[in-house]
């Protein structure tokens, strides 16, 4: 594995610094106590939710419903990488809040396996573990994007796609600290009001309505009564529980009318359909397995609600983006692109796009941040 900085691996060089500052750190042979984001109960729950998400998927990015694989997004990175290739041979690239590695995949496709040295940083251990398994040439770092254990000015290109904003826009300054003089920072940020944001908002509303209606809890009560009816006879308890469930069923149907049948990646429709199928064929199912499945669905929808909320909260509005651009300039960077990346088919923004080049004296400025 080529080193990220000359002569010293960045994690060896920065290990003492990371332990002092209390970052979240894990990269192959180095493991430190999880702190930082995990000290906050809500942030810790969100991280666990994302960990679980990445553990059960091989190819996810910020939101599977759209955006990350759009041709305009891939075109943005192709343009960024083409410009870097003209300036640097075998550049060092850091992808911050990398998730499953959508940017790493694009870079690998553009530069080839040996044409770029990739370091991926994410707060989720599961995401980094899956990424290192899938792309063995990647150096993975588990860290809070606000406090990254990598050397200042050590990368020709530092990127983030739908990620760094989750840690708050102050994390952008930490990202800029990593860019070497003459290097670039390239960001795609969630656009408040854009297509991905609208999908996330609809999914969040659907998950909250489902929770408010207590669809899963009332379904569990109906199935429990149904299994007792099958064992002991008598329909009164079952029919009462089924009647209690009816308002929740109507709520599920209302959610799908309001937001479409594929809202929440189709999870609402699947739950609704599965429950109807199981209710019609209850004698064919095992009571314990049904109860365990419903408990898992409750946990998964709760975690999904948390992920959708974090996505919506991370989205950047126009005034915040303008302020961020001004901060990047003040940090010693020249803005080369700063605009909304548009889905040309719909005219709806996909993301905020920002490309900035570090001035020759910028490393001292950004390192102080």
Protein backbone atom coordinates (compact mmCIF):
# COMPACT_ATOMS: atom_id res chain seq x y z
CA UNK A 1 0.00 0.00 0.00
CA UNK A 2 1.60 3.33 -0.99
CA UNK A 3 1.91 5.73 1.94
CA UNK A 4 -0.36 8.77 2.09
CA UNK A 5 2.49 11.08 3.09
CA UNK A 6 6.12 10.62 2.15
CA UNK A 7 8.25 8.47 4.47
CA UNK A 8 5.59 7.96 7.14
CA UNK A 9 2.15 6.40 7.17
CA UNK A 10 -0.25 9.16 8.29
CA UNK A 11 -1.72 7.12 11.11
CA UNK A 12 1.73 6.36 12.51
CA UNK A 13 2.69 10.01 12.19
CA UNK A 14 -0.52 11.24 13.79
CA UNK A 15 -1.25 8.55 16.40
CA UNK A 16 -0.06 10.64 19.35
CA UNK A 17 -1.99 13.66 18.10
CA UNK A 18 -5.18 11.62 17.64
CA UNK A 19 -5.01 10.18 21.14
CA UNK A 20 -4.55 13.64 22.63
CA UNK A 21 -7.42 15.15 20.66
CA UNK A 22 -9.76 12.21 21.20
CA UNK A 23 -10.70 11.33 17.63
CA UNK A 24 -12.56 8.22 16.60
CA UNK A 25 -9.82 6.11 15.07
CA UNK A 26 -9.50 2.66 13.64
CA UNK A 27 -7.39 1.63 10.66
CA UNK A 28 -6.29 -1.96 10.26
CA UNK A 29 -3.70 -2.38 13.02
CA UNK A 30 -4.56 0.70 15.10
CA UNK A 31 -7.59 0.86 17.37
CA UNK A 32 -8.51 3.62 19.81
CA UNK A 33 -11.44 4.10 22.17
CA UNK A 34 -14.51 5.51 20.42
CA UNK A 35 -15.11 9.05 21.56
CA UNK A 36 -16.13 12.32 19.89
CA UNK A 37 -19.53 11.87 18.30
CA UNK A 38 -20.25 8.85 20.44
CA UNK A 39 -20.15 10.97 23.58
CA UNK A 40 -23.52 12.40 22.54
CA UNK A 41 -26.37 9.93 23.03
CA UNK A 42 -28.31 11.00 19.93
CA UNK A 43 -25.22 11.06 17.71
CA UNK A 44 -24.22 7.65 19.06
CA UNK A 45 -27.62 6.20 18.13
CA UNK A 46 -27.32 7.69 14.64
CA UNK A 47 -23.86 6.17 14.18
CA UNK A 48 -25.16 2.75 15.27
CA UNK A 49 -28.00 3.13 12.79
CA UNK A 50 -25.57 3.83 9.95
CA UNK A 51 -23.30 1.00 11.10
CA UNK A 52 -26.23 -1.40 10.83
CA UNK A 53 -27.15 0.07 7.44
CA UNK A 54 -23.69 -0.45 5.96
CA UNK A 55 -23.40 -3.95 7.44
CA UNK A 56 -26.40 -5.09 5.41
CA UNK A 57 -25.59 -3.59 2.04
CA UNK A 58 -22.78 -3.78 -0.44
CA UNK A 59 -23.47 -0.68 -2.49
CA UNK A 60 -25.10 2.28 -0.79
CA UNK A 61 -24.45 5.97 -0.85
CA UNK A 62 -26.16 8.88 0.82
CA UNK A 63 -29.64 7.93 -0.29
CA UNK A 64 -30.47 4.93 -2.41
CA UNK A 65 -33.55 6.60 -3.86
CA UNK A 66 -31.60 8.91 -6.13
CA UNK A 67 -28.78 11.31 -6.73
CA UNK A 68 -25.59 9.43 -5.97
CA UNK A 69 -25.61 7.38 -9.18
CA UNK A 70 -27.11 10.08 -11.40
CA UNK A 71 -25.10 10.76 -14.60
CA UNK A 72 -24.64 14.39 -13.57
CA UNK A 73 -23.00 13.27 -10.32
CA UNK A 74 -20.65 10.89 -12.10
CA UNK A 75 -19.95 13.60 -14.67
CA UNK A 76 -18.93 15.98 -11.90
CA UNK A 77 -16.34 13.54 -10.57
CA UNK A 78 -15.08 12.67 -14.04
CA UNK A 79 -14.41 16.38 -14.58
CA UNK A 80 -12.67 16.72 -11.20
CA UNK A 81 -10.48 13.68 -11.75
CA UNK A 82 -9.57 14.68 -15.31
CA UNK A 83 -8.30 18.05 -14.05
CA UNK A 84 -6.27 16.40 -11.27
CA UNK A 85 -4.67 13.96 -13.73
CA UNK A 86 -3.28 16.88 -15.75
CA UNK A 87 -1.58 18.30 -12.65
CA UNK A 88 -0.40 15.28 -10.63
CA UNK A 89 0.94 11.79 -11.25
CA UNK A 90 -0.37 9.14 -8.84
CA UNK A 91 -2.22 11.72 -6.70
CA UNK A 92 -3.19 11.19 -3.07
CA UNK A 93 -6.97 11.39 -2.65
CA UNK A 94 -8.90 11.55 0.64
CA UNK A 95 -12.64 10.89 0.60
CA UNK A 96 -14.27 12.27 3.76
CA UNK A 97 -17.49 10.68 5.06
CA UNK A 98 -17.01 8.08 2.36
CA UNK A 99 -19.88 5.72 3.18
CA UNK A 100 -19.64 2.70 0.92
CA UNK A 101 -17.07 4.43 -1.31
CA UNK A 102 -18.98 5.94 -4.23
CA UNK A 103 -16.21 8.52 -4.78
CA UNK A 104 -13.50 5.87 -4.37
CA UNK A 105 -15.24 3.75 -7.01
CA UNK A 106 -15.40 6.71 -9.39
CA UNK A 107 -11.73 7.54 -8.76
CA UNK A 108 -10.70 3.94 -9.29
CA UNK A 109 -12.57 3.91 -12.59
CA UNK A 110 -10.97 7.15 -13.69
CA UNK A 111 -7.37 6.63 -12.53
CA UNK A 112 -7.14 2.84 -12.47
CA UNK A 113 -6.15 0.78 -9.44
CA UNK A 114 -2.52 1.96 -9.36
CA UNK A 115 -3.09 5.52 -10.61
CA UNK A 116 -4.36 7.03 -7.36
CA UNK A 117 -3.65 6.54 -3.63
CA UNK A 118 -6.98 6.38 -1.82
CA UNK A 119 -7.74 7.13 1.82
CA UNK A 120 -11.37 6.91 2.95
CA UNK A 121 -12.64 8.38 6.23
CA UNK A 122 -16.01 7.63 7.81
CA UNK A 123 -17.51 7.60 11.30
CA UNK A 124 -19.00 4.15 10.64
CA UNK A 125 -16.71 1.20 11.32
CA UNK A 126 -19.01 -1.03 9.26
CA UNK A 127 -18.72 1.25 6.23
CA UNK A 128 -14.92 1.30 6.39
CA UNK A 129 -14.68 -2.45 6.97
CA UNK A 130 -16.88 -3.18 3.95
CA UNK A 131 -14.98 -0.69 1.82
CA UNK A 132 -11.55 -2.11 2.70
CA UNK A 133 -12.81 -5.60 1.97
CA UNK A 134 -14.18 -4.56 -1.41
CA UNK A 135 -11.25 -2.29 -2.37
CA UNK A 136 -8.12 -3.68 -0.65
CA UNK A 137 -5.95 -0.84 -1.96
CA UNK A 138 -7.90 1.70 0.10
CA UNK A 139 -6.56 2.95 3.45
CA UNK A 140 -9.59 3.19 5.72
CA UNK A 141 -9.87 5.50 8.73
CA UNK A 142 -12.78 5.48 11.20
CA UNK A 143 -13.02 9.07 12.44
CA UNK A 144 -15.25 12.02 13.16
CA UNK A 145 -15.02 14.33 10.14
CA UNK A 146 -14.54 17.24 12.56
CA UNK A 147 -11.26 15.78 13.82
CA UNK A 148 -9.40 13.68 11.26
CA UNK A 149 -6.14 11.96 12.28
CA UNK A 150 -4.28 12.72 9.06
CA UNK A 151 -1.39 15.10 8.43
CA UNK A 152 -2.03 18.66 7.23
CA UNK A 153 -1.50 19.43 3.54
CA UNK A 154 -0.97 15.75 2.66
CA UNK A 155 -3.41 15.22 -0.25
CA UNK A 156 -3.61 16.52 -3.78
CA UNK A 157 -7.39 16.07 -3.75
CA UNK A 158 -9.82 15.95 -0.82
CA UNK A 159 -13.43 15.05 -1.63
CA UNK A 160 -16.79 14.48 -0.04
CA UNK A 161 -20.05 13.38 -1.63
CA UNK A 162 -23.18 13.82 0.50
CA UNK A 163 -21.18 13.28 3.67
CA UNK A 164 -19.12 15.99 5.34
CA UNK A 165 -22.20 18.15 5.97
CA UNK A 166 -23.51 15.49 8.38
CA UNK A 167 -20.76 16.48 10.77
CA UNK A 168 -21.68 20.16 10.43
CA UNK A 169 -20.16 22.67 8.07
CA UNK A 170 -17.32 23.34 10.51
CA UNK A 171 -16.05 19.95 9.33
CA UNK A 172 -15.34 21.51 5.94
CA UNK A 173 -12.52 23.51 7.53
CA UNK A 174 -11.02 20.27 8.84
CA UNK A 175 -11.32 18.85 5.33
CA UNK A 176 -9.53 21.88 3.86
CA UNK A 177 -6.68 21.36 6.32
CA UNK A 178 -5.74 18.19 4.45
CA UNK A 179 -5.29 19.84 1.02
CA UNK A 180 -1.70 20.48 -0.04
CA UNK A 181 -0.74 23.80 -1.68
CA UNK A 182 -1.83 23.65 -5.29
CA UNK A 183 -4.26 20.82 -4.52
CA UNK A 184 -8.04 20.83 -4.68
CA UNK A 185 -11.09 20.27 -2.53
CA UNK A 186 -14.23 19.01 -4.31
CA UNK A 187 -17.59 18.69 -2.58
CA UNK A 188 -21.12 17.61 -3.39
CA UNK A 189 -23.46 18.67 -0.57
CA UNK A 190 -27.10 17.88 0.08
CA UNK A 191 -29.24 20.65 -1.41
CA UNK A 192 -32.14 21.74 0.79
CA UNK A 193 -35.12 21.67 -1.56
CA UNK A 194 -33.36 19.46 -4.11
CA UNK A 195 -34.48 16.08 -5.36
CA UNK A 196 -32.70 13.96 -2.76
CA UNK A 197 -33.90 16.26 0.01
CA UNK A 198 -37.50 15.90 -1.19
CA UNK A 199 -37.22 12.12 -1.22
CA UNK A 200 -35.69 12.10 2.25
CA UNK A 201 -38.39 14.45 3.57
CA UNK A 202 -41.15 12.26 2.16
CA UNK A 203 -39.52 9.13 3.62
CA UNK A 204 -39.09 10.81 7.00
CA UNK A 205 -42.74 11.86 7.05
CA UNK A 206 -43.82 8.34 6.07
CA UNK A 207 -41.71 6.74 8.81
CA UNK A 208 -43.06 9.15 11.41
CA UNK A 209 -46.67 8.60 10.35
CA UNK A 210 -46.14 4.84 10.52
CA UNK A 211 -44.71 5.17 14.04
CA UNK A 212 -47.51 7.52 15.15
CA UNK A 213 -50.15 5.08 13.89
CA UNK A 214 -48.41 2.24 15.81
CA UNK A 215 -48.98 -0.03 12.82
CA UNK A 216 -46.35 -2.52 13.93
CA UNK A 217 -47.48 -2.62 17.56
CA UNK A 218 -51.12 -3.12 16.64
CA UNK A 219 -50.16 -5.75 14.08
CA UNK A 220 -48.20 -7.61 16.78
CA UNK A 221 -51.25 -7.52 19.07
CA UNK A 222 -53.51 -8.85 16.31
CA UNK A 223 -51.15 -11.70 15.40
CA UNK A 224 -50.69 -12.66 19.08
CA UNK A 225 -54.47 -12.82 19.45
CA UNK A 226 -54.71 -14.79 16.22
CA UNK A 227 -52.25 -17.43 17.37
CA UNK A 228 -54.12 -17.75 20.67
CA UNK A 229 -57.33 -18.22 18.70
CA UNK A 230 -55.70 -21.00 16.68
CA UNK A 231 -54.54 -22.75 19.87
CA UNK A 232 -57.55 -22.19 22.12
CA UNK A 233 -60.48 -21.24 19.89
CA UNK A 234 -62.72 -18.19 20.24
CA UNK A 235 -62.62 -15.19 17.94
CA UNK A 236 -63.59 -12.27 20.15
CA UNK A 237 -60.07 -11.18 21.16
CA UNK A 238 -58.76 -11.56 17.61
CA UNK A 239 -61.61 -9.58 16.08
CA UNK A 240 -61.14 -6.82 18.66
CA UNK A 241 -57.40 -6.60 17.89
CA UNK A 242 -58.12 -6.60 14.15
CA UNK A 243 -60.55 -3.74 14.67
CA UNK A 244 -57.89 -1.81 16.59
CA UNK A 245 -55.51 -2.30 13.66
CA UNK A 246 -57.89 -0.89 11.02
CA UNK A 247 -57.12 2.83 11.66
CA UNK A 248 -53.40 2.04 11.34
CA UNK A 249 -54.06 0.21 8.04
CA UNK A 250 -55.89 3.28 6.77
CA UNK A 251 -52.91 5.39 7.85
CA UNK A 252 -50.57 3.16 5.83
CA UNK A 253 -52.80 3.50 2.79
CA UNK A 254 -52.91 7.27 3.30
CA UNK A 255 -49.10 7.41 3.46
CA UNK A 256 -48.83 5.67 0.09
CA UNK A 257 -51.48 7.88 -1.51
CA UNK A 258 -49.71 10.96 -0.21
CA UNK A 259 -46.12 10.03 -1.06
CA UNK A 260 -46.40 7.22 -3.60
CA UNK A 261 -46.14 3.47 -3.22
CA UNK A 262 -42.32 3.53 -3.41
CA UNK A 263 -41.83 5.99 -0.55
CA UNK A 264 -39.08 4.97 1.89
CA UNK A 265 -37.51 2.78 -0.80
CA UNK A 266 -40.74 0.78 -0.96
CA UNK A 267 -40.45 -0.32 2.69
CA UNK A 268 -43.92 0.92 3.63
CA UNK A 269 -45.55 -0.97 0.77
CA UNK A 270 -43.61 -4.14 1.55
CA UNK A 271 -44.55 -4.05 5.24
CA UNK A 272 -48.20 -3.40 4.37
CA UNK A 273 -48.26 -6.24 1.81
CA UNK A 274 -46.42 -8.71 4.05
CA UNK A 275 -48.80 -8.10 6.95
CA UNK A 276 -51.86 -8.63 4.75
CA UNK A 277 -50.37 -11.84 3.33
CA UNK A 278 -49.49 -13.19 6.76
CA UNK A 279 -52.90 -12.31 8.21
CA UNK A 280 -54.58 -14.30 5.43
CA UNK A 281 -52.33 -17.33 5.99
CA UNK A 282 -51.62 -17.16 9.71
CA UNK A 283 -51.76 -20.95 10.37
CA UNK A 284 -48.81 -21.35 7.99
CA UNK A 285 -46.48 -19.22 10.15
CA UNK A 286 -44.52 -19.82 13.34
CA UNK A 287 -45.63 -17.55 16.20
CA UNK A 288 -42.11 -16.90 17.52
CA UNK A 289 -40.75 -16.10 14.07
CA UNK A 290 -43.59 -13.67 13.41
CA UNK A 291 -42.99 -11.88 16.73
CA UNK A 292 -39.25 -11.66 16.05
CA UNK A 293 -39.87 -10.31 12.54
CA UNK A 294 -42.19 -7.58 13.84
CA UNK A 295 -39.67 -6.62 16.54
CA UNK A 296 -36.99 -6.33 13.87
CA UNK A 297 -39.28 -4.23 11.68
CA UNK A 298 -39.89 -1.88 14.61
CA UNK A 299 -36.15 -1.42 15.15
CA UNK A 300 -35.43 -0.97 11.47
CA UNK A 301 -38.13 1.65 10.92
CA UNK A 302 -36.97 3.53 14.00
CA UNK A 303 -33.39 3.52 12.70
CA UNK A 304 -34.58 4.48 9.22
CA UNK A 305 -36.44 7.46 10.67
CA UNK A 306 -33.23 8.55 12.37
CA UNK A 307 -31.22 8.30 9.15
CA UNK A 308 -33.79 10.26 7.17
CA UNK A 309 -33.88 12.94 9.88
CA UNK A 310 -30.09 13.26 9.80
CA UNK A 311 -30.15 13.62 6.02
CA UNK A 312 -32.78 16.35 6.14
CA UNK A 313 -30.98 18.20 8.93
CA UNK A 314 -27.68 18.06 7.02
CA UNK A 315 -29.08 19.63 3.84
CA UNK A 316 -27.67 23.05 2.96
CA UNK A 317 -29.78 26.02 1.88
CA UNK A 318 -28.67 28.73 -0.54
CA UNK A 319 -27.58 31.28 2.05
CA UNK A 320 -25.59 28.70 4.00
CA UNK A 321 -23.87 27.57 0.81
CA UNK A 322 -22.94 31.18 -0.01
CA UNK A 323 -21.52 31.61 3.50
CA UNK A 324 -19.58 28.37 3.17
CA UNK A 325 -18.07 29.52 -0.12
CA UNK A 326 -16.95 32.75 1.52
CA UNK A 327 -15.35 30.78 4.36
CA UNK A 328 -13.49 28.57 1.88
CA UNK A 329 -12.11 31.63 0.12
CA UNK A 330 -11.07 33.14 3.45
CA UNK A 331 -9.18 29.91 4.23
CA UNK A 332 -6.88 30.54 1.28
CA UNK A 333 -8.67 28.80 -1.58
CA UNK A 334 -9.72 29.96 -5.03
CA UNK A 335 -13.28 28.93 -5.90
CA UNK A 336 -13.38 27.29 -9.32
CA UNK A 337 -16.97 26.05 -9.23
CA UNK A 338 -19.82 26.93 -6.87
CA UNK A 339 -23.31 26.18 -8.09
CA UNK A 340 -26.26 23.85 -7.90
CA UNK A 341 -25.79 20.61 -9.82
CA UNK A 342 -29.02 20.23 -11.77
CA UNK A 343 -30.88 17.17 -12.97
CA UNK A 344 -31.39 18.30 -16.56
CA UNK A 345 -34.36 15.96 -17.01
CA UNK A 346 -36.38 17.54 -14.22
CA UNK A 347 -34.71 20.90 -13.65
CA UNK A 348 -34.48 20.03 -9.94
CA UNK A 349 -31.14 20.43 -8.12
CA UNK A 350 -29.30 17.27 -7.15
CA UNK A 351 -26.63 18.85 -4.98
CA UNK A 352 -24.48 21.88 -4.27
CA UNK A 353 -21.20 21.54 -6.19
CA UNK A 354 -18.04 23.21 -4.92
CA UNK A 355 -14.48 22.95 -6.29
CA UNK A 356 -11.72 25.01 -4.70
CA UNK A 357 -7.97 25.15 -5.35
CA UNK A 358 -5.55 25.77 -2.49
CA UNK A 359 -3.28 28.78 -2.90
CA UNK A 360 0.40 28.17 -2.34
CA UNK A 361 0.22 29.72 1.17
CA UNK A 362 -3.06 28.07 2.19
CA UNK A 363 -1.61 25.20 4.18
CA UNK A 364 -0.59 27.40 7.08
CA UNK A 365 -4.01 29.05 7.13
CA UNK A 366 -6.01 25.86 7.04
CA UNK A 367 -3.78 24.02 9.48
CA UNK A 368 -4.56 26.60 12.12
CA UNK A 369 -8.28 25.83 11.88
